[in-house]
């Protein structure tokens, strides 16, 4: 009888230990806060919350890296409420961005954004966030060989930008400029990075006078005057995914793909009969964008399913950015009333939240690899 009691106690203790181990294996600690790794804790699912006490990490007037096209306050935007919204995940505490912690963790590392002008938007945001965290630190800013580099000397960290709107190659020959859907020769410049953040889509849809990046499309040995752009994007993304598989080592390089950054040129997408982002001063309430996700996100999801999660992490900013119809420069870009930019984002603004989420994912992975290596 006594033996059976002891055996029962042992079984209970073993079960409890296993349960505790299982819980620890399915959660990750970030700066003292736990983010559950299961589906109930999705940092990209949530809403924008107004906080009158909140201020952006940096002041645009104090950041020397912001392009005129993103500096909405300098260009005369009169409202400032759009600067007071914070991203709040539904079921997750979201750690604040800590620039000094970022710099300390990634001391001696090379971080590169690769893509179009949305990558420029996000890169300038991160350089401003880091500069504001250590304003007295010496830095250099260079642009050589098509690579812009922000380098903070005290931390030996490089935050870089490589502009290439299609990711795949555009090659000039006697026919003209050919968009080669099967080729990434420019990828040599992306090697040896510690972190890569890729982005593409916006240039794929340019047509008519705005279609200035190429004259022909090549797929295999065939040359096309044009092609369904969504199909062309998918071919290009498959080529990119193969490049990642063959040219990156997940033990050395963390790779991210930033999902599609939305535009707000059609107010009927958020149930307004007409209009654009012009004049919008508040986000869409809640967490659902009435028009649903844009079509290219399905291409991204499909291609990502073919990649190991250890190879690429999706920075899934589409849905949360769709809610921010108020976040674009609109007429507060360099062209003033002659322009209406509902594609890029004001700085400070939405890309700062992208970088906060990137920081969370990077520190998550950094802590995990630190535990494994020790």
Protein backbone atom coordinates (compact mmCIF):
# COMPACT_ATOMS: atom_id res chain seq x y z
CA UNK A 1 0.00 0.00 0.00
CA UNK A 2 2.84 2.38 1.04
CA UNK A 3 4.68 1.50 -2.16
CA UNK A 4 1.64 2.46 -4.30
CA UNK A 5 1.36 5.85 -2.57
CA UNK A 6 5.06 6.62 -3.15
CA UNK A 7 4.75 5.55 -6.79
CA UNK A 8 1.73 7.84 -7.28
CA UNK A 9 3.61 10.79 -5.77
CA UNK A 10 6.59 10.13 -8.08
CA UNK A 11 4.30 10.01 -11.14
CA UNK A 12 2.68 13.33 -10.16
CA UNK A 13 6.04 15.00 -9.64
CA UNK A 14 7.33 13.78 -13.02
CA UNK A 15 4.15 15.05 -14.75
CA UNK A 16 4.52 18.47 -13.11
CA UNK A 17 8.17 18.73 -14.14
CA UNK A 18 7.31 17.80 -17.73
CA UNK A 19 4.49 20.33 -17.81
CA UNK A 20 6.81 23.07 -16.52
CA UNK A 21 9.47 22.13 -19.09
CA UNK A 22 6.88 22.19 -21.88
CA UNK A 23 5.72 25.65 -20.81
CA UNK A 24 9.28 26.99 -20.70
CA UNK A 25 9.99 25.62 -24.15
CA UNK A 26 6.96 27.44 -25.55
CA UNK A 27 7.67 30.90 -24.20
CA UNK A 28 10.47 33.38 -24.72
CA UNK A 29 11.71 36.01 -22.30
CA UNK A 30 12.33 39.52 -23.64
CA UNK A 31 13.64 42.14 -21.22
CA UNK A 32 11.89 40.44 -18.33
CA UNK A 33 8.55 40.02 -20.12
CA UNK A 34 7.30 36.76 -21.53
CA UNK A 35 5.89 36.51 -25.02
CA UNK A 36 4.06 33.24 -25.46
CA UNK A 37 5.14 31.58 -28.72
CA UNK A 38 1.76 29.99 -29.46
CA UNK A 39 -0.82 31.40 -31.85
CA UNK A 40 -2.66 33.27 -29.09
CA UNK A 41 0.24 35.70 -28.86
CA UNK A 42 0.63 37.37 -32.23
CA UNK A 43 2.40 40.72 -31.96
CA UNK A 44 1.04 41.70 -35.41
CA UNK A 45 -2.60 41.31 -34.32
CA UNK A 46 -3.99 44.27 -32.39
CA UNK A 47 -5.06 47.89 -32.70
CA UNK A 48 -3.73 51.43 -32.49
CA UNK A 49 -4.27 53.09 -29.11
CA UNK A 50 -4.15 56.83 -28.56
CA UNK A 51 -1.87 57.94 -25.72
CA UNK A 52 -1.70 61.67 -25.09
CA UNK A 53 1.40 61.17 -22.92
CA UNK A 54 3.27 59.31 -25.63
CA UNK A 55 5.98 61.03 -27.67
CA UNK A 56 8.01 59.57 -30.55
CA UNK A 57 11.48 58.31 -29.74
CA UNK A 58 13.02 61.07 -31.85
CA UNK A 59 12.19 64.55 -33.05
CA UNK A 60 12.39 64.93 -36.82
CA UNK A 61 14.12 68.29 -36.49
CA UNK A 62 16.91 66.65 -34.46
CA UNK A 63 17.47 63.73 -36.84
CA UNK A 64 19.77 64.57 -39.78
CA UNK A 65 18.87 61.45 -41.78
CA UNK A 66 15.21 62.08 -42.70
CA UNK A 67 14.50 62.78 -46.38
CA UNK A 68 12.23 65.70 -47.21
CA UNK A 69 9.67 63.27 -48.63
CA UNK A 70 9.08 61.76 -45.16
CA UNK A 71 9.45 64.89 -43.00
CA UNK A 72 5.78 65.81 -42.73
CA UNK A 73 6.18 68.29 -39.88
CA UNK A 74 8.87 70.21 -41.78
CA UNK A 75 6.57 70.24 -44.81
CA UNK A 76 3.80 71.92 -42.83
CA UNK A 77 1.53 69.15 -41.59
CA UNK A 78 -0.58 70.99 -39.00
CA UNK A 79 -1.95 68.07 -36.94
CA UNK A 80 0.11 65.99 -34.52
CA UNK A 81 -2.39 63.44 -33.24
CA UNK A 82 -0.97 60.83 -35.63
CA UNK A 83 2.22 60.93 -33.53
CA UNK A 84 0.34 59.83 -30.39
CA UNK A 85 -0.80 56.36 -31.48
CA UNK A 86 0.93 53.24 -30.16
CA UNK A 87 0.60 49.73 -31.53
CA UNK A 88 -0.98 47.42 -28.94
CA UNK A 89 -1.13 43.66 -29.66
CA UNK A 90 -4.35 42.00 -28.57
CA UNK A 91 -2.87 39.35 -26.28
CA UNK A 92 0.77 40.32 -25.85
CA UNK A 93 2.67 42.86 -23.79
CA UNK A 94 4.89 44.65 -26.32
CA UNK A 95 8.31 45.69 -25.00
CA UNK A 96 9.31 49.27 -25.73
CA UNK A 97 12.13 49.94 -28.14
CA UNK A 98 15.40 50.32 -26.22
CA UNK A 99 18.06 51.77 -28.51
CA UNK A 100 20.97 51.26 -26.09
CA UNK A 101 19.95 47.64 -25.59
CA UNK A 102 19.72 47.21 -29.38
CA UNK A 103 23.20 48.66 -29.87
CA UNK A 104 24.69 46.57 -27.07
CA UNK A 105 23.19 43.32 -28.34
CA UNK A 106 24.31 43.94 -31.90
CA UNK A 107 27.67 45.51 -31.22
CA UNK A 108 30.02 44.80 -34.11
CA UNK A 109 27.20 43.61 -36.40
CA UNK A 110 26.08 44.60 -39.90
CA UNK A 111 22.37 45.12 -40.52
CA UNK A 112 21.09 45.72 -44.05
CA UNK A 113 17.72 46.77 -45.46
CA UNK A 114 17.25 45.61 -49.06
CA UNK A 115 14.41 46.86 -51.24
CA UNK A 116 12.59 49.92 -52.55
CA UNK A 117 11.71 53.31 -51.05
CA UNK A 118 9.70 51.61 -48.28
CA UNK A 119 13.00 50.11 -47.15
CA UNK A 120 14.41 53.65 -47.24
CA UNK A 121 11.50 54.77 -45.04
CA UNK A 122 12.16 52.03 -42.49
CA UNK A 123 15.95 52.43 -42.60
CA UNK A 124 15.76 56.16 -41.93
CA UNK A 125 13.35 55.47 -39.07
CA UNK A 126 15.79 53.04 -37.43
CA UNK A 127 18.79 55.35 -37.88
CA UNK A 128 16.83 58.14 -36.17
CA UNK A 129 15.73 55.84 -33.34
CA UNK A 130 19.31 54.69 -32.69
CA UNK A 131 20.78 58.19 -33.04
CA UNK A 132 18.26 59.51 -30.49
CA UNK A 133 19.23 56.74 -28.05
CA UNK A 134 22.92 57.75 -28.04
CA UNK A 135 22.91 61.36 -29.30
CA UNK A 136 26.44 62.06 -28.11
CA UNK A 137 27.97 59.06 -29.89
CA UNK A 138 30.17 59.67 -32.91
CA UNK A 139 28.79 58.36 -36.17
CA UNK A 140 29.55 58.42 -39.88
CA UNK A 141 27.19 58.40 -42.82
CA UNK A 142 28.49 57.16 -46.19
CA UNK A 143 27.07 56.23 -49.57
CA UNK A 144 29.41 54.08 -51.64
CA UNK A 145 28.74 51.57 -54.38
CA UNK A 146 25.00 51.96 -54.02
CA UNK A 147 25.10 51.12 -50.30
CA UNK A 148 24.21 53.79 -47.73
CA UNK A 149 25.74 53.13 -44.30
CA UNK A 150 25.02 54.62 -40.89
CA UNK A 151 27.91 53.61 -38.61
CA UNK A 152 28.05 54.26 -34.85
CA UNK A 153 31.70 54.11 -33.89
CA UNK A 154 31.35 53.37 -30.19
CA UNK A 155 29.37 50.21 -30.96
CA UNK A 156 31.03 49.30 -34.26
CA UNK A 157 27.56 48.72 -35.72
CA UNK A 158 26.56 49.38 -39.34
CA UNK A 159 22.94 49.93 -40.38
CA UNK A 160 22.89 49.79 -44.16
CA UNK A 161 20.54 50.28 -47.11
CA UNK A 162 20.73 48.66 -50.55
CA UNK A 163 18.16 50.03 -53.00
CA UNK A 164 16.79 47.44 -55.42
CA UNK A 165 13.02 47.68 -55.98
CA UNK A 166 12.49 44.26 -57.59
CA UNK A 167 15.14 42.24 -55.68
CA UNK A 168 15.79 40.40 -58.97
CA UNK A 169 18.14 41.94 -61.58
CA UNK A 170 17.50 44.61 -64.16
CA UNK A 171 20.13 44.28 -66.93
CA UNK A 172 20.73 46.67 -69.82
CA UNK A 173 21.58 45.40 -73.30
CA UNK A 174 20.94 46.48 -76.91
CA UNK A 175 17.21 45.75 -76.52
CA UNK A 176 16.91 48.00 -73.48
CA UNK A 177 16.47 47.27 -69.78
CA UNK A 178 15.41 43.71 -69.05
CA UNK A 179 13.82 42.65 -65.77
CA UNK A 180 15.25 39.14 -65.28
CA UNK A 181 12.86 37.17 -63.10
CA UNK A 182 15.29 34.27 -62.68
CA UNK A 183 18.44 36.20 -61.73
CA UNK A 184 19.91 37.81 -58.61
CA UNK A 185 23.50 38.75 -59.38
CA UNK A 186 23.29 41.86 -57.19
CA UNK A 187 22.90 39.55 -54.20
CA UNK A 188 26.66 39.42 -53.73
CA UNK A 189 26.36 42.76 -51.92
CA UNK A 190 23.97 41.21 -49.39
CA UNK A 191 26.26 38.43 -48.26
CA UNK A 192 28.20 38.50 -44.99
CA UNK A 193 25.44 40.46 -43.21
CA UNK A 194 24.29 39.60 -39.71
CA UNK A 195 20.72 40.78 -40.31
CA UNK A 196 18.91 41.20 -43.65
CA UNK A 197 15.47 42.84 -43.98
CA UNK A 198 14.00 42.49 -47.49
CA UNK A 199 11.05 44.30 -49.05
CA UNK A 200 9.49 44.48 -52.51
CA UNK A 201 6.22 45.07 -54.37
CA UNK A 202 5.46 48.74 -55.02
CA UNK A 203 7.50 49.04 -58.22
CA UNK A 204 5.97 45.88 -59.68
CA UNK A 205 2.63 47.61 -60.24
CA UNK A 206 3.92 50.75 -61.98
CA UNK A 207 2.46 51.13 -65.47
CA UNK A 208 2.42 53.76 -68.23
CA UNK A 209 4.53 56.83 -67.50
CA UNK A 210 5.29 55.55 -63.99
CA UNK A 211 6.73 52.29 -65.34
CA UNK A 212 10.34 53.48 -65.56
CA UNK A 213 12.33 50.55 -64.17
CA UNK A 214 12.46 48.22 -67.19
CA UNK A 215 11.51 47.81 -70.87
CA UNK A 216 11.12 44.02 -71.12
CA UNK A 217 10.65 41.04 -68.80
CA UNK A 218 12.65 37.81 -69.13
CA UNK A 219 11.49 34.47 -67.71
CA UNK A 220 13.74 31.57 -68.64
CA UNK A 221 14.76 32.11 -72.26
CA UNK A 222 11.59 33.98 -73.20
CA UNK A 223 11.36 37.77 -73.47
CA UNK A 224 8.02 39.49 -72.81
CA UNK A 225 6.94 43.05 -73.45
CA UNK A 226 4.78 42.77 -70.34
CA UNK A 227 3.27 40.18 -68.00
CA UNK A 228 0.62 39.95 -65.32
CA UNK A 229 2.37 41.82 -62.55
CA UNK A 230 1.22 39.57 -59.73
CA UNK A 231 2.54 36.56 -61.64
CA UNK A 232 5.83 38.36 -62.34
CA UNK A 233 6.12 39.24 -58.64
CA UNK A 234 5.61 35.61 -57.71
CA UNK A 235 8.36 34.48 -60.10
CA UNK A 236 10.68 37.12 -58.64
CA UNK A 237 9.85 36.10 -55.08
CA UNK A 238 10.57 32.45 -55.85
CA UNK A 239 13.97 33.48 -57.23
CA UNK A 240 14.59 35.50 -54.07
CA UNK A 241 13.60 32.56 -51.84
CA UNK A 242 16.04 30.31 -53.72
CA UNK A 243 18.76 32.90 -53.23
CA UNK A 244 18.10 32.90 -49.49
CA UNK A 245 18.19 29.10 -49.33
CA UNK A 246 21.48 28.91 -51.20
CA UNK A 247 23.33 31.96 -49.89
CA UNK A 248 22.49 32.47 -46.22
CA UNK A 249 23.47 30.54 -43.12
CA UNK A 250 20.86 30.78 -40.37
CA UNK A 251 23.61 30.35 -37.77
CA UNK A 252 25.22 33.57 -39.03
CA UNK A 253 22.45 35.66 -40.63
CA UNK A 254 18.93 36.47 -39.48
CA UNK A 255 16.72 37.06 -42.53
CA UNK A 256 13.41 38.93 -42.50
CA UNK A 257 10.92 39.69 -45.24
CA UNK A 258 8.75 42.71 -44.61
CA UNK A 259 5.25 42.01 -45.83
CA UNK A 260 3.46 44.42 -48.18
CA UNK A 261 3.28 48.04 -47.06
CA UNK A 262 -0.26 49.20 -47.97
CA UNK A 263 -1.32 52.34 -49.83
CA UNK A 264 -4.43 54.43 -49.13
CA UNK A 265 -5.48 55.92 -52.46
CA UNK A 266 -9.04 54.54 -52.45
CA UNK A 267 -11.24 55.58 -49.55
CA UNK A 268 -13.88 53.01 -50.50
CA UNK A 269 -11.49 50.45 -48.98
CA UNK A 270 -12.41 51.84 -45.55
CA UNK A 271 -16.08 52.39 -46.43
CA UNK A 272 -15.91 56.05 -47.49
CA UNK A 273 -17.49 56.79 -50.86
CA UNK A 274 -14.61 58.82 -52.27
CA UNK A 275 -11.25 60.29 -51.37
CA UNK A 276 -7.72 59.22 -50.44
CA UNK A 277 -5.46 59.53 -47.43
CA UNK A 278 -5.51 63.31 -47.92
CA UNK A 279 -7.03 64.96 -44.86
CA UNK A 280 -7.06 61.77 -42.78
CA UNK A 281 -6.00 62.41 -39.18
CA UNK A 282 -7.02 59.26 -37.27
CA UNK A 283 -6.47 55.50 -37.75
CA UNK A 284 -9.21 53.00 -38.45
CA UNK A 285 -10.54 51.80 -35.09
CA UNK A 286 -10.34 48.15 -34.18
CA UNK A 287 -8.15 45.56 -35.85
CA UNK A 288 -9.94 44.84 -39.15
CA UNK A 289 -9.40 46.68 -42.44
CA UNK A 290 -12.71 46.55 -44.34
CA UNK A 291 -11.19 45.79 -47.76
CA UNK A 292 -9.12 42.86 -46.53
CA UNK A 293 -5.51 42.11 -47.38
CA UNK A 294 -4.00 43.21 -50.71
CA UNK A 295 -3.46 40.45 -53.30
CA UNK A 296 0.38 40.37 -53.19
CA UNK A 297 0.31 39.30 -49.54
CA UNK A 298 -0.95 35.91 -50.72
CA UNK A 299 2.15 35.59 -52.91
CA UNK A 300 4.31 36.44 -49.90
CA UNK A 301 2.55 33.88 -47.69
CA UNK A 302 2.83 31.20 -50.38
CA UNK A 303 6.55 31.78 -50.91
CA UNK A 304 7.20 31.95 -47.16
CA UNK A 305 5.54 28.55 -46.70
CA UNK A 306 8.29 27.14 -48.90
CA UNK A 307 10.97 28.49 -46.58
CA UNK A 308 11.99 27.14 -43.20
CA UNK A 309 11.08 29.43 -40.32
CA UNK A 310 14.72 29.18 -39.27
CA UNK A 311 15.68 30.69 -42.64
CA UNK A 312 13.29 33.65 -42.85
CA UNK A 313 11.00 35.45 -40.41
CA UNK A 314 8.02 37.37 -41.77
CA UNK A 315 7.75 40.94 -40.50
CA UNK A 316 4.02 40.91 -41.04
CA UNK A 317 3.23 44.62 -40.96
CA UNK A 318 0.49 44.72 -43.61
CA UNK A 319 -2.68 44.53 -41.50
CA UNK A 320 -1.50 46.90 -38.78
CA UNK A 321 -0.32 49.43 -41.40
CA UNK A 322 -3.61 49.22 -43.30
CA UNK A 323 -5.28 50.72 -40.24
CA UNK A 324 -3.08 53.85 -40.48
CA UNK A 325 -4.73 55.79 -43.30
CA UNK A 326 -3.60 58.89 -41.39
CA UNK A 327 0.11 58.06 -41.47
CA UNK A 328 1.10 59.10 -45.02
CA UNK A 329 2.71 62.37 -46.13
CA UNK A 330 -0.19 63.11 -48.50
CA UNK A 331 0.21 66.78 -49.49
CA UNK A 332 2.89 67.28 -46.84
CA UNK A 333 5.67 65.95 -49.02
CA UNK A 334 8.20 68.01 -51.03
CA UNK A 335 5.63 68.61 -53.82
CA UNK A 336 3.07 70.15 -51.50
CA UNK A 337 -0.40 70.59 -52.99
CA UNK A 338 0.90 69.30 -56.33
CA UNK A 339 1.45 65.84 -54.84
CA UNK A 340 -0.50 63.36 -52.76
CA UNK A 341 1.68 60.60 -51.35
CA UNK A 342 -0.50 57.86 -49.86
CA UNK A 343 2.24 55.27 -50.29
CA UNK A 344 5.17 56.28 -48.06
CA UNK A 345 4.97 57.14 -44.37
CA UNK A 346 5.66 60.22 -42.29
CA UNK A 347 8.66 60.12 -39.96
CA UNK A 348 8.29 59.91 -37.05
CA UNK A 349 5.40 57.57 -37.68
CA UNK A 350 4.32 54.07 -38.61
CA UNK A 351 7.80 52.72 -39.60
CA UNK A 352 8.92 53.36 -36.01
CA UNK A 353 6.43 50.69 -34.94
CA UNK A 354 7.75 48.37 -37.65
CA UNK A 355 11.18 48.77 -36.10
CA UNK A 356 9.84 48.22 -32.60
CA UNK A 357 8.41 44.89 -33.80
CA UNK A 358 11.67 44.09 -35.60
CA UNK A 359 13.49 44.80 -32.33
CA UNK A 360 11.21 42.38 -30.47
CA UNK A 361 11.84 39.61 -33.01
CA UNK A 362 15.58 40.27 -33.11
CA UNK A 363 15.97 40.23 -29.33
CA UNK A 364 13.81 37.12 -29.14
CA UNK A 365 16.17 35.32 -31.48
CA UNK A 366 19.28 36.82 -29.84
CA UNK A 367 18.22 35.55 -26.40
CA UNK A 368 17.39 32.11 -27.80
CA UNK A 369 20.75 31.76 -29.53
CA UNK A 370 22.55 33.06 -26.42
CA UNK A 371 20.94 30.36 -24.30
CA UNK A 372 21.83 27.66 -26.84
CA UNK A 373 25.45 28.81 -27.15
CA UNK A 374 25.87 28.73 -23.38
